[in-house]
Amino acid sequence: MFMDDFFVFGFSFDLCLSNLDIVLKHCVETNIVLNLEKCHFMVTEGIVLGHKISIHGIEVDKAKVEVIEKLPLPTNVKGIKSFLGHVGFYKHFIKDFSKLANPLSNLLNKEVSFHFDELCLEAFDTLKQKLIFAPIITAPN
């Protein structure tokens, strides 16, 4: 089995150490091997799926927001593919992604001529807004 990332959290330094101890003991008991070069211990914030996670909660990573904010309107099929590639990574976190992206996806059909109309503009702007302003992931309860 391969596990890419996992996080151990505590509301205090002592609780964090206690939780980390539990996780590391479980790793030993189940023969899970960690790559220590990729491990980061006792950090106060980190970037996960383009979001900054810290004691203050979950925030969108400002660097990712700037990239998405500056994406120009697509002017051809290649531009649509590029935009959908950028936002597609988050499609599982955006409610009704397929419905929202449908006008743009339709432009990728072979029999359709490229016509970026009002529906496409609305889909483009809606997807950008969802990525820029709304939290995409929520903290587990």
Protein backbone atom coordinates (compact mmCIF):
# COMPACT_ATOMS: atom_id res chain seq x y z
CA MET A 1 0.00 0.00 0.00
CA PHE A 2 1.15 3.51 -0.74
CA MET A 3 0.00 6.52 1.26
CA ASP A 4 1.05 9.93 0.04
CA ASP A 5 0.19 12.28 2.90
CA PHE A 6 -1.21 12.17 6.37
CA PHE A 7 -1.42 14.81 9.03
CA VAL A 8 -1.34 14.75 12.81
CA PHE A 9 -2.92 17.68 14.58
CA GLY A 10 -3.29 18.89 18.13
CA PHE A 11 -4.68 22.05 19.69
CA SER A 12 -1.63 22.24 21.94
CA PHE A 13 2.02 21.27 21.58
CA ASP A 14 1.64 18.44 24.12
CA LEU A 15 -1.49 17.08 22.45
CA CYS A 16 0.22 17.22 19.07
CA LEU A 17 3.18 15.24 20.45
CA SER A 18 0.83 12.71 22.02
CA ASN A 19 -1.10 12.28 18.76
CA LEU A 20 2.14 11.96 16.79
CA ASP A 21 3.36 9.30 19.23
CA ILE A 22 0.17 7.29 18.67
CA VAL A 23 0.47 7.52 14.89
CA LEU A 24 4.16 6.60 14.82
CA LYS A 25 3.57 3.62 17.14
CA HIS A 26 0.81 2.46 14.81
CA CYS A 27 3.18 2.79 11.85
CA VAL A 28 5.72 0.57 13.63
CA GLU A 29 3.07 -1.99 14.63
CA THR A 30 1.73 -2.27 11.08
CA ASN A 31 5.12 -2.09 9.33
CA ILE A 32 4.38 1.20 7.60
CA VAL A 33 7.64 2.70 6.39
CA LEU A 34 8.01 6.49 6.27
CA ASN A 35 10.36 8.34 3.95
CA LEU A 36 11.97 10.67 6.49
CA GLU A 37 13.23 13.00 3.73
CA LYS A 38 9.61 13.82 2.97
CA CYS A 39 8.45 14.10 6.59
CA HIS A 40 7.82 17.46 8.20
CA PHE A 41 7.33 17.55 11.94
CA MET A 42 5.91 20.26 14.17
CA VAL A 43 5.03 22.75 11.46
CA THR A 44 2.42 25.38 12.22
CA GLU A 45 0.96 25.49 8.71
CA GLY A 46 1.12 23.60 5.45
CA ILE A 47 -0.26 23.52 1.93
CA VAL A 48 -2.69 20.69 1.10
CA LEU A 49 -4.52 20.53 -2.24
CA GLY A 50 -3.89 24.21 -2.80
CA HIS A 51 -5.16 25.22 0.64
CA LYS A 52 -3.24 26.61 3.58
CA ILE A 53 -4.01 24.61 6.73
CA SER A 54 -3.13 26.24 10.06
CA ILE A 55 -4.43 26.91 13.55
CA HIS A 56 -6.62 29.58 11.91
CA GLY A 57 -8.42 26.96 9.81
CA ILE A 58 -8.43 26.30 6.08
CA GLU A 59 -7.68 29.10 3.64
CA VAL A 60 -7.12 29.12 -0.09
CA ASP A 61 -3.42 29.36 -0.96
CA LYS A 62 -2.92 32.92 -2.24
CA ALA A 63 -0.40 31.82 -4.89
CA LYS A 64 -2.94 29.42 -6.41
CA VAL A 65 -5.63 32.09 -6.31
CA GLU A 66 -3.44 34.54 -8.22
CA VAL A 67 -2.78 32.00 -10.97
CA ILE A 68 -6.49 31.25 -11.35
CA GLU A 69 -7.49 34.93 -11.15
CA LYS A 70 -5.13 35.78 -14.00
CA LEU A 71 -6.30 33.02 -16.33
CA PRO A 72 -7.47 34.73 -19.53
CA LEU A 73 -10.72 33.95 -21.29
CA PRO A 74 -10.19 30.95 -23.56
CA THR A 75 -10.13 31.92 -27.23
CA ASN A 76 -9.83 28.43 -28.71
CA VAL A 77 -10.16 24.72 -27.93
CA LYS A 78 -6.61 24.63 -26.56
CA GLY A 79 -7.53 27.42 -24.09
CA ILE A 80 -10.64 25.49 -22.96
CA LYS A 81 -8.56 22.35 -22.41
CA SER A 82 -6.00 24.33 -20.44
CA PHE A 83 -8.63 25.95 -18.20
CA LEU A 84 -10.48 22.69 -17.59
CA GLY A 85 -7.13 21.11 -16.79
CA HIS A 86 -6.47 23.75 -14.13
CA VAL A 87 -9.88 23.46 -12.49
CA GLY A 88 -10.29 19.74 -13.16
CA PHE A 89 -7.95 18.85 -10.31
CA TYR A 90 -10.58 20.19 -7.92
CA LYS A 91 -13.64 18.78 -9.69
CA HIS A 92 -14.38 16.32 -6.89
CA PHE A 93 -14.57 19.20 -4.42
CA ILE A 94 -16.85 21.46 -6.46
CA LYS A 95 -20.52 20.61 -6.19
CA ASP A 96 -22.09 20.00 -9.63
CA PHE A 97 -18.76 20.48 -11.39
CA SER A 98 -19.91 18.59 -14.48
CA LYS A 99 -23.05 20.71 -14.81
CA LEU A 100 -21.09 23.93 -14.30
CA ALA A 101 -18.38 22.96 -16.80
CA ASN A 102 -20.79 21.52 -19.38
CA PRO A 103 -20.95 24.60 -21.68
CA LEU A 104 -17.14 24.63 -21.82
CA SER A 105 -16.86 20.86 -22.23
CA ASN A 106 -19.30 20.98 -25.16
CA LEU A 107 -16.81 23.16 -27.05
CA LEU A 108 -14.41 20.20 -27.05
CA ASN A 109 -16.74 18.06 -29.21
CA LYS A 110 -15.40 17.50 -32.72
CA GLU A 111 -18.61 18.42 -34.52
CA VAL A 112 -18.99 21.75 -32.67
CA SER A 113 -17.51 24.99 -33.95
CA PHE A 114 -15.81 27.13 -31.33
CA HIS A 115 -18.25 29.78 -30.17
CA PHE A 116 -17.57 31.19 -26.69
CA ASP A 117 -21.05 32.52 -25.86
CA GLU A 118 -22.71 33.89 -22.71
CA LEU A 119 -23.24 30.39 -21.27
CA CYS A 120 -19.54 29.66 -21.67
CA LEU A 121 -18.59 32.99 -20.10
CA GLU A 122 -20.93 32.31 -17.17
CA ALA A 123 -19.47 28.80 -16.69
CA PHE A 124 -15.92 30.17 -16.87
CA ASP A 125 -16.62 32.92 -14.33
CA THR A 126 -18.58 30.60 -11.99
CA LEU A 127 -15.79 28.03 -11.88
CA LYS A 128 -13.17 30.71 -11.29
CA GLN A 129 -15.24 32.19 -8.44
CA LYS A 130 -15.70 28.81 -6.80
CA LEU A 131 -11.95 28.24 -6.87
CA ILE A 132 -11.03 31.74 -5.69
CA PHE A 133 -13.52 32.56 -2.95
CA ALA A 134 -15.24 29.45 -1.62
CA PRO A 135 -13.46 26.89 0.53
CA ILE A 136 -13.14 23.70 -1.46
CA ILE A 137 -12.24 21.29 1.29
CA THR A 138 -13.53 21.27 4.82
CA ALA A 139 -11.88 20.07 7.97
CA PRO A 140 -12.98 16.62 9.15
CA ASN A 141 -15.25 16.59 12.18
